[in-house]
Amino acid sequence: MDWIRLTKSGKDLTGLKGRLIEVTEEELAKHSKKDDCWICIRGLVYNVTPYMEYHPGGGDELMRAAGADGTDLFDQVHRWVNYESMLKECLVGRMALKPLAATTG
């Protein structure tokens, strides 16, 4: 219940003052510390730093995907969890699409 209360408090949980951004792999990788942790799940990037102390498995479990795509890990552990609803106030943005490599010939 404490997590729900925090998400309803109006506090900026993204660290971006409510604006959504397009996140590159390089930018995502910069946020890989316990006090600055972003995780990508299915193309959506979340600042899970404020969630660290509320995660049932502890912050160390979240750190396993810190600064990276945690989709596979998330699906292995708890695919059934509605992360979009639970983390919606932590949404930073979407992963940037990689440019397609030019083909020759």
N, C-alpha and C. Protein backbone atom coordinates (compact mmCIF):
# COMPACT_ATOMS: atom_id res chain seq x y z
N MET A 1 0.81 -1.20 0.00
CA MET A 1 0.00 0.00 0.00
C MET A 1 0.86 1.27 0.00
N ASP A 2 2.04 1.20 0.59
CA ASP A 2 2.91 2.38 0.61
C ASP A 2 3.29 2.80 -0.80
N TRP A 3 3.55 1.81 -1.68
CA TRP A 3 3.90 2.13 -3.06
C TRP A 3 2.73 2.83 -3.76
N ILE A 4 1.54 2.33 -3.57
CA ILE A 4 0.36 2.93 -4.19
C ILE A 4 0.19 4.36 -3.69
N ARG A 5 0.37 4.56 -2.40
CA ARG A 5 0.26 5.89 -1.82
C ARG A 5 1.29 6.84 -2.46
N LEU A 6 2.52 6.36 -2.64
CA LEU A 6 3.56 7.18 -3.24
C LEU A 6 3.21 7.53 -4.69
N THR A 7 2.70 6.57 -5.45
CA THR A 7 2.37 6.85 -6.86
C THR A 7 1.21 7.85 -6.98
N LYS A 8 0.39 7.93 -5.98
CA LYS A 8 -0.75 8.86 -6.00
C LYS A 8 -0.42 10.20 -5.34
N SER A 9 0.80 10.36 -4.85
CA SER A 9 1.19 11.55 -4.11
C SER A 9 1.43 12.78 -4.99
N GLY A 10 1.61 12.56 -6.29
CA GLY A 10 1.92 13.68 -7.18
C GLY A 10 3.42 13.93 -7.29
N LYS A 11 4.21 13.19 -6.55
CA LYS A 11 5.67 13.33 -6.61
C LYS A 11 6.17 12.87 -7.98
N ASP A 12 7.17 13.57 -8.50
CA ASP A 12 7.76 13.22 -9.80
C ASP A 12 8.63 11.97 -9.64
N LEU A 13 8.11 10.82 -10.04
CA LEU A 13 8.86 9.56 -9.90
C LEU A 13 9.73 9.25 -11.11
N THR A 14 9.60 10.03 -12.17
CA THR A 14 10.43 9.80 -13.36
C THR A 14 11.74 10.55 -13.28
N GLY A 15 11.73 11.66 -12.57
CA GLY A 15 12.91 12.53 -12.55
C GLY A 15 12.95 13.44 -13.77
N LEU A 16 11.90 13.42 -14.59
CA LEU A 16 11.87 14.21 -15.82
C LEU A 16 10.73 15.23 -15.83
N LYS A 17 10.15 15.46 -14.68
CA LYS A 17 9.05 16.43 -14.54
C LYS A 17 7.89 16.15 -15.49
N GLY A 18 7.58 14.86 -15.66
CA GLY A 18 6.40 14.48 -16.40
C GLY A 18 6.52 14.41 -17.91
N ARG A 19 7.66 14.76 -18.46
CA ARG A 19 7.78 14.66 -19.93
C ARG A 19 8.34 13.29 -20.30
N LEU A 20 7.86 12.77 -21.41
CA LEU A 20 8.34 11.49 -21.90
C LEU A 20 9.43 11.73 -22.93
N ILE A 21 10.42 10.86 -22.93
CA ILE A 21 11.53 11.01 -23.87
C ILE A 21 11.73 9.72 -24.65
N GLU A 22 12.46 9.84 -25.75
CA GLU A 22 12.89 8.68 -26.51
C GLU A 22 14.27 8.32 -25.96
N VAL A 23 14.43 7.07 -25.54
CA VAL A 23 15.64 6.64 -24.84
C VAL A 23 16.49 5.76 -25.76
N THR A 24 17.73 6.14 -25.93
CA THR A 24 18.67 5.33 -26.69
C THR A 24 19.28 4.27 -25.78
N GLU A 25 19.89 3.27 -26.37
CA GLU A 25 20.59 2.25 -25.58
C GLU A 25 21.69 2.88 -24.74
N GLU A 26 22.37 3.88 -25.32
CA GLU A 26 23.46 4.55 -24.60
C GLU A 26 22.93 5.29 -23.38
N GLU A 27 21.79 5.96 -23.54
CA GLU A 27 21.20 6.69 -22.41
C GLU A 27 20.71 5.72 -21.34
N LEU A 28 20.07 4.65 -21.75
CA LEU A 28 19.59 3.66 -20.80
C LEU A 28 20.75 3.10 -19.97
N ALA A 29 21.86 2.82 -20.62
CA ALA A 29 23.03 2.24 -19.94
C ALA A 29 23.61 3.17 -18.88
N LYS A 30 23.41 4.48 -19.03
CA LYS A 30 23.93 5.43 -18.04
C LYS A 30 23.20 5.33 -16.70
N HIS A 31 22.01 4.76 -16.70
CA HIS A 31 21.17 4.70 -15.50
C HIS A 31 21.18 3.29 -14.92
N SER A 32 22.34 2.91 -14.42
CA SER A 32 22.54 1.52 -13.97
C SER A 32 23.03 1.41 -12.53
N LYS A 33 22.71 2.43 -11.74
CA LYS A 33 23.13 2.42 -10.34
C LYS A 33 21.89 2.36 -9.44
N LYS A 34 22.08 1.94 -8.22
CA LYS A 34 20.96 1.79 -7.29
C LYS A 34 20.23 3.11 -7.04
N ASP A 35 20.97 4.22 -7.09
CA ASP A 35 20.34 5.53 -6.86
C ASP A 35 19.93 6.22 -8.16
N ASP A 36 20.06 5.52 -9.28
CA ASP A 36 19.67 6.03 -10.60
C ASP A 36 19.49 4.83 -11.52
N CYS A 37 18.32 4.20 -11.45
CA CYS A 37 18.12 2.93 -12.13
C CYS A 37 16.93 2.97 -13.09
N TRP A 38 17.23 2.83 -14.37
CA TRP A 38 16.20 2.72 -15.39
C TRP A 38 16.23 1.30 -15.94
N ILE A 39 15.05 0.78 -16.25
CA ILE A 39 14.91 -0.55 -16.83
C ILE A 39 13.93 -0.49 -17.99
N CYS A 40 14.24 -1.22 -19.04
CA CYS A 40 13.35 -1.32 -20.19
C CYS A 40 12.59 -2.65 -20.12
N ILE A 41 11.27 -2.57 -20.30
CA ILE A 41 10.44 -3.77 -20.40
C ILE A 41 9.54 -3.59 -21.60
N ARG A 42 9.69 -4.48 -22.57
CA ARG A 42 8.89 -4.45 -23.81
C ARG A 42 8.90 -3.08 -24.49
N GLY A 43 10.08 -2.48 -24.56
CA GLY A 43 10.23 -1.22 -25.27
C GLY A 43 9.88 0.02 -24.48
N LEU A 44 9.38 -0.13 -23.26
CA LEU A 44 9.07 1.01 -22.41
C LEU A 44 10.14 1.12 -21.32
N VAL A 45 10.58 2.33 -21.05
CA VAL A 45 11.64 2.55 -20.08
C VAL A 45 11.05 3.18 -18.81
N TYR A 46 11.41 2.60 -17.68
CA TYR A 46 10.92 3.06 -16.38
C TYR A 46 12.09 3.43 -15.48
N ASN A 47 11.91 4.52 -14.72
CA ASN A 47 12.85 4.86 -13.66
C ASN A 47 12.38 4.10 -12.42
N VAL A 48 13.02 3.00 -12.13
CA VAL A 48 12.59 2.17 -10.99
C VAL A 48 13.31 2.52 -9.69
N THR A 49 14.08 3.60 -9.71
CA THR A 49 14.79 4.02 -8.51
C THR A 49 13.84 4.19 -7.32
N PRO A 50 12.70 4.90 -7.49
CA PRO A 50 11.82 5.06 -6.33
C PRO A 50 11.15 3.76 -5.89
N TYR A 51 11.11 2.77 -6.77
CA TYR A 51 10.46 1.49 -6.47
C TYR A 51 11.38 0.51 -5.73
N MET A 52 12.67 0.79 -5.72
CA MET A 52 13.66 -0.12 -5.13
C MET A 52 13.25 -0.66 -3.76
N GLU A 53 12.87 0.23 -2.86
CA GLU A 53 12.58 -0.19 -1.49
C GLU A 53 11.23 -0.91 -1.37
N TYR A 54 10.42 -0.86 -2.41
CA TYR A 54 9.10 -1.50 -2.36
C TYR A 54 9.05 -2.84 -3.10
N HIS A 55 10.05 -3.13 -3.91
CA HIS A 55 10.05 -4.36 -4.69
C HIS A 55 10.11 -5.56 -3.74
N PRO A 56 9.17 -6.50 -3.87
CA PRO A 56 9.13 -7.65 -2.95
C PRO A 56 10.41 -8.47 -2.93
N GLY A 57 11.12 -8.54 -4.06
CA GLY A 57 12.36 -9.30 -4.11
C GLY A 57 13.58 -8.49 -3.72
N GLY A 58 13.36 -7.22 -3.40
CA GLY A 58 14.45 -6.33 -3.01
C GLY A 58 15.09 -5.62 -4.21
N GLY A 59 15.82 -4.59 -3.88
CA GLY A 59 16.48 -3.80 -4.91
C GLY A 59 17.51 -4.55 -5.72
N ASP A 60 18.15 -5.54 -5.11
CA ASP A 60 19.17 -6.30 -5.84
C ASP A 60 18.57 -7.02 -7.04
N GLU A 61 17.33 -7.46 -6.92
CA GLU A 61 16.67 -8.12 -8.06
C GLU A 61 16.46 -7.14 -9.20
N LEU A 62 16.04 -5.92 -8.88
CA LEU A 62 15.87 -4.90 -9.92
C LEU A 62 17.22 -4.56 -10.56
N MET A 63 18.26 -4.57 -9.77
CA MET A 63 19.58 -4.23 -10.28
C MET A 63 20.09 -5.22 -11.33
N ARG A 64 19.53 -6.40 -11.36
CA ARG A 64 19.94 -7.38 -12.37
C ARG A 64 19.65 -6.90 -13.79
N ALA A 65 18.70 -5.95 -13.93
CA ALA A 65 18.35 -5.43 -15.25
C ALA A 65 18.64 -3.93 -15.35
N ALA A 66 19.38 -3.40 -14.41
CA ALA A 66 19.65 -1.96 -14.37
C ALA A 66 20.36 -1.48 -15.63
N GLY A 67 19.81 -0.45 -16.24
CA GLY A 67 20.43 0.15 -17.42
C GLY A 67 20.34 -0.72 -18.66
N ALA A 68 19.39 -1.65 -18.67
CA ALA A 68 19.31 -2.60 -19.79
C ALA A 68 17.86 -3.03 -20.04
N ASP A 69 17.70 -3.86 -21.05
CA ASP A 69 16.39 -4.45 -21.33
C ASP A 69 16.19 -5.62 -20.38
N GLY A 70 15.21 -5.50 -19.51
CA GLY A 70 14.94 -6.54 -18.52
C GLY A 70 13.74 -7.41 -18.87
N THR A 71 13.28 -7.35 -20.13
CA THR A 71 12.08 -8.09 -20.52
C THR A 71 12.19 -9.58 -20.26
N ASP A 72 13.25 -10.21 -20.71
CA ASP A 72 13.41 -11.66 -20.53
C ASP A 72 13.47 -12.02 -19.05
N LEU A 73 14.22 -11.28 -18.28
CA LEU A 73 14.33 -11.54 -16.85
C LEU A 73 12.97 -11.36 -16.18
N PHE A 74 12.28 -10.29 -16.52
CA PHE A 74 10.95 -10.05 -15.96
C PHE A 74 10.01 -11.22 -16.27
N ASP A 75 10.01 -11.66 -17.52
CA ASP A 75 9.13 -12.75 -17.93
C ASP A 75 9.47 -14.07 -17.23
N GLN A 76 10.74 -14.29 -16.95
CA GLN A 76 11.15 -15.51 -16.26
C GLN A 76 10.63 -15.53 -14.82
N VAL A 77 10.61 -14.37 -14.19
CA VAL A 77 10.30 -14.29 -12.77
C VAL A 77 8.81 -14.08 -12.50
N HIS A 78 8.21 -13.12 -13.19
CA HIS A 78 6.79 -12.82 -12.91
C HIS A 78 6.09 -12.19 -14.11
N ARG A 79 5.93 -12.97 -15.13
CA ARG A 79 5.25 -12.52 -16.34
C ARG A 79 3.83 -12.03 -16.05
N TRP A 80 3.19 -12.56 -15.04
CA TRP A 80 1.80 -12.25 -14.71
C TRP A 80 1.61 -10.87 -14.10
N VAL A 81 2.66 -10.20 -13.63
CA VAL A 81 2.54 -8.91 -12.97
C VAL A 81 2.20 -7.81 -13.98
N ASN A 82 1.24 -6.97 -13.64
CA ASN A 82 0.85 -5.85 -14.48
C ASN A 82 1.79 -4.67 -14.20
N TYR A 83 2.99 -4.74 -14.77
CA TYR A 83 4.00 -3.72 -14.52
C TYR A 83 3.59 -2.37 -15.09
N GLU A 84 2.84 -2.36 -16.21
CA GLU A 84 2.45 -1.09 -16.82
C GLU A 84 1.60 -0.25 -15.86
N SER A 85 0.70 -0.90 -15.16
CA SER A 85 -0.14 -0.20 -14.20
C SER A 85 0.67 0.17 -12.95
N MET A 86 1.45 -0.76 -12.48
CA MET A 86 2.20 -0.56 -11.25
C MET A 86 3.28 0.51 -11.39
N LEU A 87 3.89 0.61 -12.57
CA LEU A 87 5.00 1.54 -12.77
C LEU A 87 4.65 2.74 -13.65
N LYS A 88 3.37 2.95 -13.94
CA LYS A 88 3.00 4.01 -14.89
C LYS A 88 3.51 5.39 -14.48
N GLU A 89 3.60 5.66 -13.19
CA GLU A 89 4.10 6.96 -12.74
C GLU A 89 5.62 7.07 -12.87
N CYS A 90 6.28 5.95 -13.21
CA CYS A 90 7.74 5.91 -13.36
C CYS A 90 8.16 5.88 -14.83
N LEU A 91 7.19 5.96 -15.74
CA LEU A 91 7.49 5.85 -17.17
C LEU A 91 8.32 7.02 -17.65
N VAL A 92 9.50 6.71 -18.19
CA VAL A 92 10.42 7.70 -18.72
C VAL A 92 10.11 7.93 -20.20
N GLY A 93 9.84 6.85 -20.93
CA GLY A 93 9.54 6.95 -22.36
C GLY A 93 9.73 5.63 -23.06
N ARG A 94 9.87 5.72 -24.37
CA ARG A 94 10.06 4.53 -25.22
C ARG A 94 11.50 4.43 -25.67
N MET A 95 11.92 3.20 -25.92
CA MET A 95 13.24 2.99 -26.50
C MET A 95 13.24 3.54 -27.93
N ALA A 96 14.32 4.17 -28.29
CA ALA A 96 14.49 4.68 -29.65
C ALA A 96 14.68 3.50 -30.60
N LEU A 97 14.11 3.61 -31.76
CA LEU A 97 14.31 2.58 -32.77
C LEU A 97 15.71 2.70 -33.33
N LYS A 98 16.32 1.56 -33.56
CA LYS A 98 17.65 1.56 -34.17
C LYS A 98 17.48 1.75 -35.67
N PRO A 99 18.36 2.54 -36.28
CA PRO A 99 18.26 2.70 -37.73
C PRO A 99 18.62 1.38 -38.42
N LEU A 100 17.93 1.10 -39.49
CA LEU A 100 18.22 -0.11 -40.26
C LEU A 100 19.55 0.05 -40.98
N ALA A 101 20.33 -0.98 -41.01
CA ALA A 101 21.61 -0.96 -41.71
C ALA A 101 21.34 -0.91 -43.22
N ALA A 102 22.11 -0.11 -43.92
CA ALA A 102 21.96 -0.02 -45.37
C ALA A 102 22.43 -1.31 -46.00
N THR A 103 21.69 -1.79 -46.97
CA THR A 103 22.10 -2.99 -47.68
C THR A 103 22.74 -2.61 -49.00
N THR A 104 23.66 -3.44 -49.42
CA THR A 104 24.33 -3.18 -50.70
C THR A 104 23.93 -4.24 -51.70
N GLY A 105 24.01 -3.85 -52.93
CA GLY A 105 23.78 -4.84 -53.98
C GLY A 105 22.44 -4.74 -54.51
